[in-house]
Amino acid sequence: MPTSLFQYEMLPTTWFYLSSLMIVAVFFRFNRVFSVRNLDILTLIFLTPGLIYVAMGSAPQGYLWLAAIGAFGFSRLVFDSLLRRRPMLEPNLNVAGLTFACVAASAFIVPNLWLNRGDFLESPRAWRLEQILTAADANDENAVKVEERPGFRPFLRAAEKTNRFFAPSDEAWIRAASSSATETTNAESVLYFFGTAIRVDAAQKRSDDGEKASRAMRAMRWAAGRGGENEFASVDASNDEGDENAPATEFSGAPVAPVAPVAPSVLGTGVEQAPAAPTSAPVPEPIPTPPMRDVYRLTPSGDASGGRDAATFDGETGADGAGVRTPSFEQTALILSVGALQIGVVVLIILIGRFHLGSTQTGLSAALLYLLLPYVNQFSACLDHIVPALAILTAVLFYRRPVVSGFALGAAGALAFYPFFLLPLWFGFYWKRGAARFALGTSAAVLTFAVVLLATTSATDDYGSALAAMLGRRSLFLASADGLWEYWPRFYRIPLISLFGVFCVGYALWPPRKDLATLISGSAALMLGVQIWMGYRGGLYMAWYLPLAALTVFRPNLFDRVATTTVVDV
């Protein structure tokens, strides 16, 4: 497979440029430059620089960018249901071209997962953002744990193990850190955003007491190759508490500075030996390069991540004659399953366009727009992104059957909690017909996951705490944060959460006449709104709203699709 695709590799910035040009070429209306369609296309494109900021080690700027663009997109989606005039603006490709483009873009999902996994990634510049974040958390003792996040804990643990499988190993992470130069200072209390100095609170701090600085940001800069002003980084022989005699951390070294080669000395040829390098200049000790692992880890190894147990897939075959390791049956099944989930999102988008938006071309357009966005390339294997998105799209596809939609939304909320904020909007839609059946389906899903949680909770775990986490106890009061609120004072979240809660309740009453367009755009707006105040990587869970936002871009006038005329009796 690697040789057949000639070591397929795509840098994040390269894909951003190419995908942006392709999106503009296919969907931009050049004959109507000042149109809502073009504004929507540019808004979705402008989300990507925030991902690139985070991937390149500038997380404060990246999360701030995502929050700013997200706030604009939220406003646009909220007022979408008021736009009654929807002119028919077809894409610049016909149905055959859209079909070919969707199939071709979908066909690269599995090879991207197959080839760019674990230690197959030789260049850190080609690491996906999901892999960078996972490897950074594995080497950060202050990283947010699964127990500190809201949602269904068995599902969150499965998502974390899947991320570990696709992420580079600790050894590859250290090799990347030791092969790139960077600044090792933590004194970034001021960041510059478009040339303007912005004060951030406790930059690069992850714990509440402010005593320990997170090493994840520094490691991300290493992996991304973001060097400082000097060619080689200085050796930091102090620990987080400032003890100069303490041993250095695994990320506080630098490669050996190169020494001028010595010319060969040949007697009788007149070639003189080059002067030796000065012996007074100290040469920093290199970081030893660990050997490549023979298996792929699902969790960090005990010797490299604080004594945590390792878990691996058994049965991986050895290297073949070309030195390529063949994945085992379990690993192959995992890769294909994750790829199938991603393709499932695409299929659901097409089906919604075919059966509810009036044409297959509309579904193909929304699916292609979703596939071309760099987010799909950067977060190809995150189950906590993909599975809730599948459940939300299933609810939209079966919106005429309240029991099915209620169960799908209840499942999405039980898995990731935040989709529970969609319930007031959907109850408002079904209020005149189907509200009781929708409540029955939602309750059945929550009770089902509560029973499954009871069956899967071990004797050492607290069922009450796990159930409270599934219902969102960890979402409002954060023990630790990762994302925007890692760098900004968390008390700013209080007014944002209050306004968002009022808005969710108000969505049950406004607009008074809700149609399918309100369901699609309103659900996208709510899932985009939670990104601004959620405490764990807010802004990166784009799969929860991007498919719905893509459908909103191309939807026709759906003023007649209301519950009283579309909801079936069974």
Protein backbone atom coordinates (compact mmCIF):
# COMPACT_ATOMS: atom_id res chain seq x y z
CA MET A 1 0.00 0.00 0.00
CA PRO A 2 2.68 2.65 0.84
CA THR A 3 4.61 1.95 -2.37
CA SER A 4 1.47 1.93 -4.50
CA LEU A 5 0.62 5.45 -3.35
CA PHE A 6 4.24 6.65 -3.46
CA GLN A 7 4.34 7.52 0.25
CA TYR A 8 1.23 9.68 0.07
CA GLU A 9 1.63 12.66 2.40
CA MET A 10 -0.13 16.00 2.67
CA LEU A 11 0.99 18.90 4.84
CA PRO A 12 -1.81 20.78 6.65
CA THR A 13 -0.97 24.12 5.06
CA THR A 14 -0.72 22.58 1.59
CA TRP A 15 -4.14 21.00 1.93
CA PHE A 16 -5.56 24.30 3.19
CA TYR A 17 -4.40 26.14 0.08
CA LEU A 18 -5.49 23.43 -2.35
CA SER A 19 -8.86 22.78 -0.72
CA SER A 20 -9.64 26.49 -0.49
CA LEU A 21 -8.98 26.92 -4.21
CA MET A 22 -11.10 23.87 -5.02
CA ILE A 23 -13.99 25.07 -2.84
CA VAL A 24 -13.93 28.49 -4.47
CA ALA A 25 -13.72 26.99 -7.97
CA VAL A 26 -16.66 24.62 -7.40
CA PHE A 27 -19.05 26.63 -5.21
CA PHE A 28 -18.21 30.33 -5.44
CA ARG A 29 -20.74 32.30 -7.50
CA PHE A 30 -18.60 34.61 -9.61
CA ASN A 31 -21.62 36.17 -11.30
CA ARG A 32 -23.08 37.13 -7.88
CA VAL A 33 -20.10 38.06 -5.77
CA PHE A 34 -22.14 39.81 -3.06
CA SER A 35 -24.39 36.91 -2.15
CA VAL A 36 -25.11 34.94 1.00
CA ARG A 37 -23.77 31.79 -0.67
CA ASN A 38 -20.34 33.34 -1.14
CA LEU A 39 -20.34 34.68 2.42
CA ASP A 40 -21.06 31.21 3.76
CA ILE A 41 -18.32 29.64 1.66
CA LEU A 42 -15.72 32.15 2.85
CA THR A 43 -16.80 31.76 6.48
CA LEU A 44 -16.26 28.00 6.37
CA ILE A 45 -12.88 28.46 4.69
CA PHE A 46 -11.76 30.99 7.32
CA LEU A 47 -12.20 28.41 10.08
CA THR A 48 -9.10 26.56 8.92
CA PRO A 49 -6.40 29.11 9.90
CA GLY A 50 -7.40 28.53 13.51
CA LEU A 51 -6.60 24.83 13.12
CA ILE A 52 -3.26 25.69 11.55
CA TYR A 53 -2.44 28.04 14.42
CA VAL A 54 -3.06 25.23 16.92
CA ALA A 55 -1.13 22.68 14.87
CA MET A 56 1.87 24.98 14.62
CA GLY A 57 2.07 25.53 18.37
CA SER A 58 0.25 28.89 18.61
CA ALA A 59 -2.76 27.57 20.49
CA PRO A 60 -3.91 30.88 22.08
CA GLN A 61 -4.14 32.54 18.68
CA GLY A 62 -5.72 29.46 17.15
CA TYR A 63 -8.50 29.05 19.70
CA LEU A 64 -9.13 32.79 19.69
CA TRP A 65 -9.43 32.72 15.89
CA LEU A 66 -11.87 29.81 16.03
CA ALA A 67 -13.97 31.59 18.67
CA ALA A 68 -14.12 34.81 16.62
CA ILE A 69 -15.06 33.11 13.34
CA GLY A 70 -17.40 30.80 15.26
CA ALA A 71 -19.24 33.75 16.79
CA PHE A 72 -19.83 35.20 13.32
CA GLY A 73 -20.97 31.84 11.98
CA PHE A 74 -23.29 31.43 14.95
CA SER A 75 -25.00 34.74 14.17
CA ARG A 76 -25.34 33.77 10.52
CA LEU A 77 -26.94 30.41 11.34
CA VAL A 78 -29.34 31.88 13.89
CA PHE A 79 -30.84 34.28 11.35
CA ASP A 80 -30.86 31.75 8.50
CA SER A 81 -34.46 30.73 9.20
CA LEU A 82 -35.52 34.33 8.54
CA LEU A 83 -34.20 34.19 4.97
CA ARG A 84 -37.32 33.14 3.08
CA ARG A 85 -36.00 33.94 -0.38
CA ARG A 86 -33.60 31.22 -1.44
CA PRO A 87 -32.53 31.72 -5.05
CA MET A 88 -31.47 28.54 -6.82
CA LEU A 89 -27.69 28.85 -7.14
CA GLU A 90 -26.27 25.64 -8.51
CA PRO A 91 -22.59 24.74 -8.07
CA ASN A 92 -20.13 25.07 -10.91
CA LEU A 93 -20.12 21.29 -11.44
CA ASN A 94 -22.91 19.12 -12.74
CA VAL A 95 -24.20 16.02 -10.95
CA ALA A 96 -21.69 13.72 -12.65
CA GLY A 97 -18.77 15.93 -11.66
CA LEU A 98 -20.01 16.24 -8.07
CA THR A 99 -20.45 12.48 -7.82
CA PHE A 100 -16.94 11.81 -9.09
CA ALA A 101 -15.45 14.43 -6.74
CA CYS A 102 -17.30 12.99 -3.70
CA VAL A 103 -16.21 9.45 -4.49
CA ALA A 104 -12.60 10.53 -5.08
CA ALA A 105 -12.44 12.59 -1.88
CA SER A 106 -14.04 9.78 0.14
CA ALA A 107 -11.62 7.25 -1.34
CA PHE A 108 -8.67 9.06 0.27
CA ILE A 109 -10.07 8.80 3.80
CA VAL A 110 -9.01 5.19 4.40
CA PRO A 111 -5.52 5.58 2.80
CA ASN A 112 -5.01 8.67 4.94
CA LEU A 113 -5.78 6.62 8.04
CA TRP A 114 -3.84 3.58 6.79
CA LEU A 115 -0.60 5.30 5.84
CA ASN A 116 -0.47 8.25 8.23
CA ARG A 117 -0.75 6.30 11.46
CA GLY A 118 1.56 5.75 14.38
CA ASP A 119 5.23 5.52 13.54
CA PHE A 120 4.57 5.34 9.80
CA LEU A 121 4.76 9.13 9.91
CA GLU A 122 8.38 9.97 9.28
CA SER A 123 8.01 13.75 9.06
CA PRO A 124 6.44 15.58 12.02
CA ARG A 125 5.29 18.28 9.61
CA ALA A 126 2.80 15.79 8.16
CA TRP A 127 1.25 14.87 11.51
CA ARG A 128 -2.44 15.58 11.69
CA LEU A 129 -3.65 17.93 14.39
CA GLU A 130 -5.44 15.09 16.17
CA GLN A 131 -2.13 13.21 16.35
CA ILE A 132 -0.24 16.24 17.67
CA LEU A 133 -2.79 16.86 20.41
CA THR A 134 -2.90 13.20 21.43
CA ALA A 135 0.89 12.88 21.61
CA ALA A 136 1.13 16.15 23.52
CA ASP A 137 -1.39 14.97 26.12
CA ALA A 138 0.44 11.65 26.48
CA ASN A 139 3.57 13.57 27.52
CA ASP A 140 1.82 16.12 29.73
CA GLU A 141 1.08 15.11 33.30
CA ASN A 142 -1.45 17.95 33.61
CA ALA A 143 -3.50 16.94 30.57
CA VAL A 144 -7.27 16.73 30.98
CA LYS A 145 -8.23 13.17 31.85
CA VAL A 146 -11.29 11.28 30.67
CA GLU A 147 -12.73 11.45 34.18
CA GLU A 148 -12.66 15.26 33.98
CA ARG A 149 -14.72 15.45 30.78
CA PRO A 150 -18.51 15.22 30.37
CA GLY A 151 -19.92 12.32 28.44
CA PHE A 152 -20.23 8.54 28.40
CA ARG A 153 -16.95 7.34 29.93
CA PRO A 154 -16.68 3.97 28.14
CA PHE A 155 -17.14 5.80 24.85
CA LEU A 156 -14.61 8.50 25.79
CA ARG A 157 -12.09 5.82 26.78
CA ALA A 158 -12.62 4.01 23.48
CA ALA A 159 -12.13 7.29 21.60
CA GLU A 160 -8.95 7.98 23.54
CA LYS A 161 -7.56 4.51 22.79
CA THR A 162 -8.33 4.97 19.11
CA ASN A 163 -6.52 8.30 19.13
CA ARG A 164 -3.51 6.63 20.80
CA PHE A 165 -3.40 4.02 18.08
CA PHE A 166 -3.23 6.59 15.29
CA ALA A 167 -0.91 8.99 17.16
CA PRO A 168 2.89 8.84 17.05
CA SER A 169 4.50 6.88 19.85
CA ASP A 170 6.34 8.55 22.71
CA GLU A 171 9.64 7.67 21.06
CA ALA A 172 8.63 9.33 17.78
CA TRP A 173 7.43 12.35 19.73
CA ILE A 174 10.77 12.66 21.54
CA ARG A 175 12.67 12.18 18.30
CA ALA A 176 10.70 15.02 16.76
CA ALA A 177 11.33 17.16 19.81
CA SER A 178 15.06 16.51 19.79
CA SER A 179 15.47 17.08 16.04
CA SER A 180 13.97 20.57 15.93
CA ALA A 181 15.06 23.80 17.55
CA THR A 182 12.75 25.95 19.60
CA GLU A 183 12.62 28.46 22.36
CA THR A 184 12.07 26.97 25.79
CA THR A 185 10.68 30.01 27.57
CA ASN A 186 7.29 30.00 29.22
CA ALA A 187 7.02 33.76 29.62
CA GLU A 188 4.26 34.25 27.07
CA SER A 189 1.81 36.29 29.08
CA VAL A 190 1.18 38.55 26.06
CA LEU A 191 0.30 37.30 22.60
CA TYR A 192 0.10 39.32 19.42
CA PHE A 193 -3.01 38.87 17.31
CA PHE A 194 -2.89 40.75 13.98
CA GLY A 195 -0.22 42.99 15.44
CA THR A 196 -2.27 43.86 18.54
CA ALA A 197 -0.99 42.86 21.97
CA ILE A 198 -3.60 40.85 23.86
CA ARG A 199 -3.13 39.95 27.49
CA VAL A 200 -3.89 36.37 28.41
CA ASP A 201 -4.21 34.98 31.89
CA ALA A 202 -1.73 32.29 32.89
CA ALA A 203 -0.55 31.49 29.38
CA GLN A 204 0.69 27.94 28.97
CA LYS A 205 -0.73 26.95 32.37
CA ARG A 206 -3.01 23.98 32.67
CA SER A 207 -3.49 23.46 36.41
CA ASP A 208 -5.57 25.78 38.58
CA ASP A 209 -2.88 26.39 41.20
CA GLY A 210 -0.58 27.91 38.59
CA GLU A 211 2.45 26.01 39.86
CA LYS A 212 3.09 23.67 36.93
CA ALA A 213 3.50 24.87 33.38
CA SER A 214 2.21 22.64 30.63
CA ARG A 215 4.92 21.09 28.48
CA ALA A 216 2.47 20.22 25.75
CA MET A 217 2.74 23.61 24.07
CA ARG A 218 6.51 23.44 24.01
CA ALA A 219 6.41 19.92 22.60
CA MET A 220 3.93 20.96 19.93
CA ARG A 221 6.32 23.70 18.85
CA TRP A 222 9.08 21.11 18.64
CA ALA A 223 7.00 18.72 16.57
CA ALA A 224 5.91 21.50 14.23
CA GLY A 225 9.51 22.64 13.78
CA ARG A 226 8.83 26.17 15.02
CA GLY A 227 12.33 27.31 15.89
CA GLY A 228 13.39 30.31 17.86
CA GLU A 229 15.75 33.08 16.87
CA ASN A 230 18.83 30.94 17.39
CA GLU A 231 19.65 28.00 15.20
CA PHE A 232 19.86 25.64 18.15
CA ALA A 233 17.88 25.73 21.35
CA SER A 234 19.67 26.11 24.62
CA VAL A 235 19.70 23.28 27.10
CA ASP A 236 17.20 23.85 29.90
CA ALA A 237 18.54 22.01 32.92
CA SER A 238 15.91 23.26 35.35
CA ASN A 239 12.62 21.76 36.26
CA ASP A 240 9.24 23.47 36.55
CA GLU A 241 9.99 24.65 40.11
CA GLY A 242 13.18 26.42 39.09
CA ASP A 243 15.69 23.99 40.63
CA GLU A 244 18.81 24.32 38.50
CA ASN A 245 20.32 21.11 39.88
CA ALA A 246 17.30 18.99 38.96
CA PRO A 247 17.53 16.77 35.90
CA ALA A 248 16.15 18.11 32.67
CA THR A 249 12.82 16.96 31.33
CA GLU A 250 12.55 14.76 28.29
CA PHE A 251 11.82 17.80 26.12
CA SER A 252 14.54 20.15 27.40
CA GLY A 253 17.47 19.14 25.26
CA ALA A 254 18.84 20.14 21.89
CA PRO A 255 20.68 18.36 19.13
CA VAL A 256 24.43 18.62 18.95
CA ALA A 257 25.62 21.64 17.03
CA PRO A 258 27.41 20.65 13.84
CA VAL A 259 31.19 20.83 13.76
CA ALA A 260 33.12 21.71 10.61
CA PRO A 261 34.44 18.52 9.00
CA VAL A 262 38.16 17.88 9.01
CA ALA A 263 39.78 17.83 5.59
CA PRO A 264 41.70 14.67 4.82
CA SER A 265 45.44 14.92 5.35
CA VAL A 266 47.38 13.33 2.50
CA LEU A 267 51.19 13.28 2.77
CA GLY A 268 52.98 14.84 -0.14
CA THR A 269 49.90 16.47 -1.72
CA GLY A 270 50.16 19.81 0.01
CA VAL A 271 46.68 19.48 1.55
CA GLU A 272 46.73 20.85 5.02
CA GLN A 273 44.54 19.70 7.84
CA ALA A 274 41.72 22.08 8.67
CA PRO A 275 41.98 23.76 12.04
CA ALA A 276 40.17 21.91 14.77
CA ALA A 277 37.09 23.36 16.35
CA PRO A 278 37.66 25.35 19.54
CA THR A 279 37.68 23.07 22.56
CA SER A 280 36.47 25.76 24.96
CA ALA A 281 32.95 25.96 23.53
CA PRO A 282 30.65 23.57 25.38
CA VAL A 283 28.73 21.13 23.28
CA PRO A 284 25.26 20.22 24.53
CA GLU A 285 24.52 16.58 25.10
CA PRO A 286 22.20 15.07 22.49
CA ILE A 287 18.98 13.37 23.42
CA PRO A 288 19.36 9.65 22.82
CA THR A 289 17.11 8.43 20.05
CA PRO A 290 15.03 5.47 21.25
CA PRO A 291 14.55 2.55 18.89
CA MET A 292 11.40 2.22 16.86
CA ARG A 293 8.61 0.26 18.54
CA ASP A 294 7.57 -3.02 17.00
CA VAL A 295 3.90 -2.64 17.97
CA TYR A 296 1.45 0.19 17.97
CA ARG A 297 0.30 1.41 21.35
CA LEU A 298 -3.22 2.20 22.41
CA THR A 299 -2.04 3.90 25.60
CA PRO A 300 1.34 5.40 26.50
CA SER A 301 3.98 2.96 27.66
CA GLY A 302 4.83 2.80 31.33
CA ASP A 303 8.46 3.86 30.94
CA ALA A 304 7.62 7.01 28.99
CA SER A 305 4.40 8.25 30.48
CA GLY A 306 4.55 8.18 34.20
CA GLY A 307 4.15 4.47 34.83
CA ARG A 308 0.84 4.01 33.10
CA ASP A 309 0.11 0.56 31.74
CA ALA A 310 0.55 -0.12 28.07
CA ALA A 311 -2.06 -1.72 25.89
CA THR A 312 -1.32 -2.96 22.43
CA PHE A 313 -3.00 -4.86 19.67
CA ASP A 314 -1.68 -8.38 19.55
CA GLY A 315 -0.87 -10.23 16.41
CA GLU A 316 0.94 -7.62 14.35
CA THR A 317 3.04 -9.26 11.70
CA GLY A 318 6.68 -8.45 11.24
CA ALA A 319 8.33 -6.37 8.56
CA ASP A 320 8.36 -7.65 5.05
CA GLY A 321 11.25 -7.54 2.65
CA ALA A 322 10.76 -3.84 2.04
CA GLY A 323 10.82 -3.06 5.76
CA VAL A 324 7.09 -2.29 5.92
CA ARG A 325 5.21 -3.66 8.91
CA THR A 326 1.86 -5.20 8.09
CA PRO A 327 -0.97 -4.36 10.52
CA SER A 328 -2.78 -7.19 12.23
CA PHE A 329 -6.39 -8.15 11.57
CA GLU A 330 -7.60 -6.14 14.60
CA GLN A 331 -5.69 -3.07 13.49
CA THR A 332 -7.00 -3.37 9.94
CA ALA A 333 -10.54 -3.71 11.27
CA LEU A 334 -10.10 -0.59 13.39
CA ILE A 335 -8.79 1.45 10.46
CA LEU A 336 -11.59 0.32 8.16
CA SER A 337 -14.23 0.91 10.86
CA VAL A 338 -13.10 4.49 11.47
CA GLY A 339 -13.02 5.12 7.74
CA ALA A 340 -16.52 3.68 7.40
CA LEU A 341 -17.80 6.05 10.08
CA GLN A 342 -16.38 9.03 8.20
CA ILE A 343 -17.93 7.82 4.97
CA GLY A 344 -21.19 7.31 6.87
CA VAL A 345 -21.30 11.05 7.61
CA VAL A 346 -20.96 11.72 3.88
CA VAL A 347 -23.72 9.24 3.00
CA LEU A 348 -26.12 10.77 5.53
CA ILE A 349 -25.52 14.25 4.11
CA ILE A 350 -26.33 12.99 0.61
CA LEU A 351 -29.47 11.19 1.82
CA ILE A 352 -30.73 14.30 3.60
CA GLY A 353 -30.26 16.30 0.41
CA ARG A 354 -31.94 13.62 -1.68
CA PHE A 355 -35.04 13.03 0.46
CA HIS A 356 -35.56 16.32 2.30
CA LEU A 357 -33.89 19.11 0.32
CA GLY A 358 -35.33 18.19 -3.03
CA SER A 359 -32.40 16.92 -5.09
CA THR A 360 -29.40 14.64 -5.05
CA GLN A 361 -27.29 17.50 -6.39
CA THR A 362 -27.90 19.48 -3.19
CA GLY A 363 -26.78 16.56 -1.06
CA LEU A 364 -23.71 15.97 -3.20
CA SER A 365 -22.79 19.65 -3.00
CA ALA A 366 -23.02 19.71 0.80
CA ALA A 367 -21.09 16.43 1.07
CA LEU A 368 -18.30 17.63 -1.23
CA LEU A 369 -18.02 20.91 0.66
CA TYR A 370 -17.68 18.97 3.91
CA LEU A 371 -15.05 16.62 2.45
CA LEU A 372 -12.94 19.45 1.04
CA LEU A 373 -12.73 21.32 4.34
CA PRO A 374 -9.29 20.69 5.91
CA TYR A 375 -10.94 19.74 9.21
CA VAL A 376 -11.86 16.34 7.77
CA ASN A 377 -8.23 15.75 6.84
CA GLN A 378 -6.95 16.87 10.25
CA PHE A 379 -9.48 14.98 12.40
CA SER A 380 -10.03 11.75 10.53
CA ALA A 381 -10.04 9.30 13.45
CA CYS A 382 -11.60 11.05 16.45
CA LEU A 383 -14.61 8.97 17.49
CA ASP A 384 -15.86 11.64 19.91
CA HIS A 385 -16.14 13.93 16.86
CA ILE A 386 -17.62 11.47 14.36
CA VAL A 387 -20.11 9.36 16.32
CA PRO A 388 -22.16 12.25 17.82
CA ALA A 389 -22.23 13.84 14.36
CA LEU A 390 -23.64 10.61 12.92
CA ALA A 391 -26.37 10.57 15.59
CA ILE A 392 -27.34 14.20 14.93
CA LEU A 393 -27.50 13.64 11.18
CA THR A 394 -29.60 10.53 11.76
CA ALA A 395 -32.06 12.62 13.76
CA VAL A 396 -32.34 15.08 10.86
CA LEU A 397 -32.75 12.29 8.30
CA PHE A 398 -35.63 10.73 10.30
CA TYR A 399 -37.16 13.99 11.50
CA ARG A 400 -40.57 12.82 10.30
CA ARG A 401 -40.46 10.03 12.90
CA PRO A 402 -40.15 11.66 16.35
CA VAL A 403 -39.31 8.43 18.18
CA VAL A 404 -36.28 7.75 15.97
CA SER A 405 -35.11 11.36 16.08
CA GLY A 406 -35.54 11.48 19.83
CA PHE A 407 -33.55 8.29 20.34
CA ALA A 408 -30.77 9.54 18.03
CA LEU A 409 -30.47 12.89 19.84
CA GLY A 410 -30.66 11.18 23.22
CA ALA A 411 -27.83 8.87 22.17
CA ALA A 412 -25.75 11.81 20.95
CA GLY A 413 -26.33 13.64 24.24
CA ALA A 414 -25.50 10.58 26.34
CA LEU A 415 -22.25 10.06 24.44
CA ALA A 416 -20.97 13.66 24.41
CA PHE A 417 -23.48 15.58 26.62
CA TYR A 418 -23.45 18.81 24.58
CA PRO A 419 -26.07 17.61 22.03
CA PHE A 420 -28.56 17.73 24.91
CA PHE A 421 -28.75 21.47 24.23
CA LEU A 422 -30.57 20.64 20.99
CA LEU A 423 -33.60 19.27 22.84
CA PRO A 424 -35.47 22.59 23.42
CA LEU A 425 -35.27 23.44 19.72
CA TRP A 426 -36.53 20.02 18.67
CA PHE A 427 -39.28 20.03 21.29
CA GLY A 428 -40.41 23.37 19.91
CA PHE A 429 -40.56 21.86 16.43
CA TYR A 430 -42.63 18.86 17.59
CA TRP A 431 -44.79 20.85 20.00
CA LYS A 432 -47.96 20.72 17.88
CA ARG A 433 -47.40 17.15 16.75
CA GLY A 434 -45.04 14.45 17.97
CA ALA A 435 -43.65 15.99 21.19
CA ALA A 436 -44.68 13.04 23.37
CA ARG A 437 -43.12 10.50 21.00
CA PHE A 438 -39.96 12.60 20.76
CA ALA A 439 -39.71 12.69 24.57
CA LEU A 440 -40.24 8.93 24.68
CA GLY A 441 -37.41 8.29 22.24
CA THR A 442 -35.03 10.63 24.08
CA SER A 443 -35.83 9.09 27.46
CA ALA A 444 -35.37 5.58 26.08
CA ALA A 445 -31.91 6.47 24.77
CA VAL A 446 -30.77 8.04 28.05
CA LEU A 447 -32.07 5.11 30.11
CA THR A 448 -30.40 2.65 27.75
CA PHE A 449 -27.01 4.31 28.15
CA ALA A 450 -27.51 4.56 31.91
CA VAL A 451 -28.08 0.80 32.09
CA VAL A 452 -25.10 0.11 29.84
CA LEU A 453 -22.98 2.36 32.04
CA LEU A 454 -24.06 0.39 35.09
CA ALA A 455 -23.13 -2.87 33.39
CA THR A 456 -19.72 -1.59 32.28
CA THR A 457 -18.73 0.22 35.48
CA SER A 458 -16.08 -1.71 37.39
CA ALA A 459 -15.94 -2.10 41.13
CA THR A 460 -13.25 0.58 41.40
CA ASP A 461 -15.30 3.20 39.52
CA ASP A 462 -18.04 5.32 41.01
CA TYR A 463 -21.27 4.78 39.09
CA GLY A 464 -22.83 7.96 40.49
CA SER A 465 -19.88 10.05 39.33
CA ALA A 466 -19.90 8.42 35.89
CA LEU A 467 -23.65 8.98 35.52
CA ALA A 468 -23.31 12.61 36.61
CA ALA A 469 -20.53 13.07 34.05
CA MET A 470 -22.79 11.61 31.35
CA LEU A 471 -25.40 14.21 32.28
CA GLY A 472 -22.91 17.08 32.14
CA ARG A 473 -21.62 17.62 35.66
CA ARG A 474 -18.09 18.18 34.35
CA SER A 475 -19.13 20.74 31.74
CA LEU A 476 -19.96 23.78 33.85
CA PHE A 477 -17.34 23.70 36.62
CA LEU A 478 -13.91 22.83 35.26
CA ALA A 479 -11.21 21.22 37.35
CA SER A 480 -8.85 21.86 34.43
CA ALA A 481 -9.25 23.18 30.92
CA ASP A 482 -7.80 22.52 27.50
CA GLY A 483 -8.40 24.97 24.70
CA LEU A 484 -9.39 28.62 24.82
CA TRP A 485 -10.11 28.59 28.55
CA GLU A 486 -6.65 27.27 29.30
CA TYR A 487 -5.36 30.75 28.47
CA TRP A 488 -8.21 33.04 29.50
CA PRO A 489 -9.84 33.57 32.92
CA ARG A 490 -12.56 30.98 33.32
CA PHE A 491 -15.01 33.26 35.08
CA TYR A 492 -15.68 34.79 31.65
CA ARG A 493 -17.47 31.53 30.87
CA ILE A 494 -20.23 32.30 33.39
CA PRO A 495 -21.99 35.05 31.40
CA LEU A 496 -21.44 33.10 28.16
CA ILE A 497 -23.04 29.96 29.60
CA SER A 498 -25.92 32.01 31.02
CA LEU A 499 -26.61 33.70 27.68
CA PHE A 500 -26.35 30.40 25.86
CA GLY A 501 -28.79 28.73 28.26
CA VAL A 502 -31.30 31.54 27.81
CA PHE A 503 -30.89 31.27 24.06
CA CYS A 504 -31.48 27.49 24.11
CA VAL A 505 -34.71 27.92 26.07
CA GLY A 506 -35.76 30.77 23.81
CA TYR A 507 -35.22 28.58 20.75
CA ALA A 508 -38.18 26.50 21.93
CA LEU A 509 -40.41 29.58 21.45
CA TRP A 510 -38.70 31.46 18.61
CA PRO A 511 -39.36 31.40 15.77
CA PRO A 512 -43.00 30.46 16.46
CA ARG A 513 -43.31 28.58 13.17
CA LYS A 514 -40.43 26.13 12.93
CA ASP A 515 -39.74 24.22 9.77
CA LEU A 516 -37.01 21.82 8.64
CA ALA A 517 -34.74 24.73 7.77
CA THR A 518 -34.98 25.91 11.39
CA LEU A 519 -34.03 22.44 12.61
CA ILE A 520 -30.97 22.24 10.37
CA SER A 521 -29.61 25.76 10.83
CA GLY A 522 -30.65 25.97 14.49
CA SER A 523 -28.96 22.66 15.35
CA ALA A 524 -25.79 23.83 13.58
CA ALA A 525 -25.92 27.14 15.47
CA LEU A 526 -26.30 25.46 18.86
CA MET A 527 -23.51 22.97 18.23
CA LEU A 528 -21.32 25.86 17.08
CA GLY A 529 -22.28 27.94 20.10
CA VAL A 530 -21.16 25.34 22.63
CA GLN A 531 -17.69 25.43 21.06
CA ILE A 532 -17.14 28.92 22.43
CA TRP A 533 -17.61 28.07 26.11
CA MET A 534 -16.86 24.33 26.38
CA GLY A 535 -13.78 23.63 28.47
CA TYR A 536 -12.18 20.84 26.46
CA ARG A 537 -10.80 21.87 23.05
CA GLY A 538 -13.69 24.13 22.24
CA GLY A 539 -13.76 25.01 18.56
CA LEU A 540 -12.19 21.76 17.35
CA TYR A 541 -15.35 19.60 17.44
CA MET A 542 -16.43 20.83 14.03
CA ALA A 543 -18.04 17.56 12.94
CA TRP A 544 -20.94 18.37 15.26
CA TYR A 545 -21.99 21.34 13.11
CA LEU A 546 -20.09 21.38 9.80
CA PRO A 547 -22.36 18.86 7.99
CA LEU A 548 -25.44 20.81 9.08
CA ALA A 549 -23.80 24.10 8.13
CA ALA A 550 -22.97 22.68 4.68
CA LEU A 551 -26.61 21.66 4.25
CA THR A 552 -27.68 25.16 5.29
CA VAL A 553 -25.51 26.69 2.58
CA PHE A 554 -27.31 24.81 -0.21
CA ARG A 555 -30.80 24.29 1.21
CA PRO A 556 -33.84 25.48 -0.78
CA ASN A 557 -36.89 27.16 0.71
CA LEU A 558 -38.34 24.71 3.26
CA PHE A 559 -41.14 26.88 4.58
CA ASP A 560 -43.73 24.12 4.11
CA ARG A 561 -41.80 21.40 6.01
CA VAL A 562 -43.45 21.81 9.43
CA ALA A 563 -44.39 19.14 11.96
CA THR A 564 -48.14 19.33 11.39
CA THR A 565 -47.79 18.35 7.73
CA THR A 566 -44.68 16.14 7.66
CA VAL A 567 -44.60 14.10 10.88
CA VAL A 568 -46.06 10.63 10.36
CA ASP A 569 -48.30 8.88 12.88
CA VAL A 570 -46.07 5.84 13.42
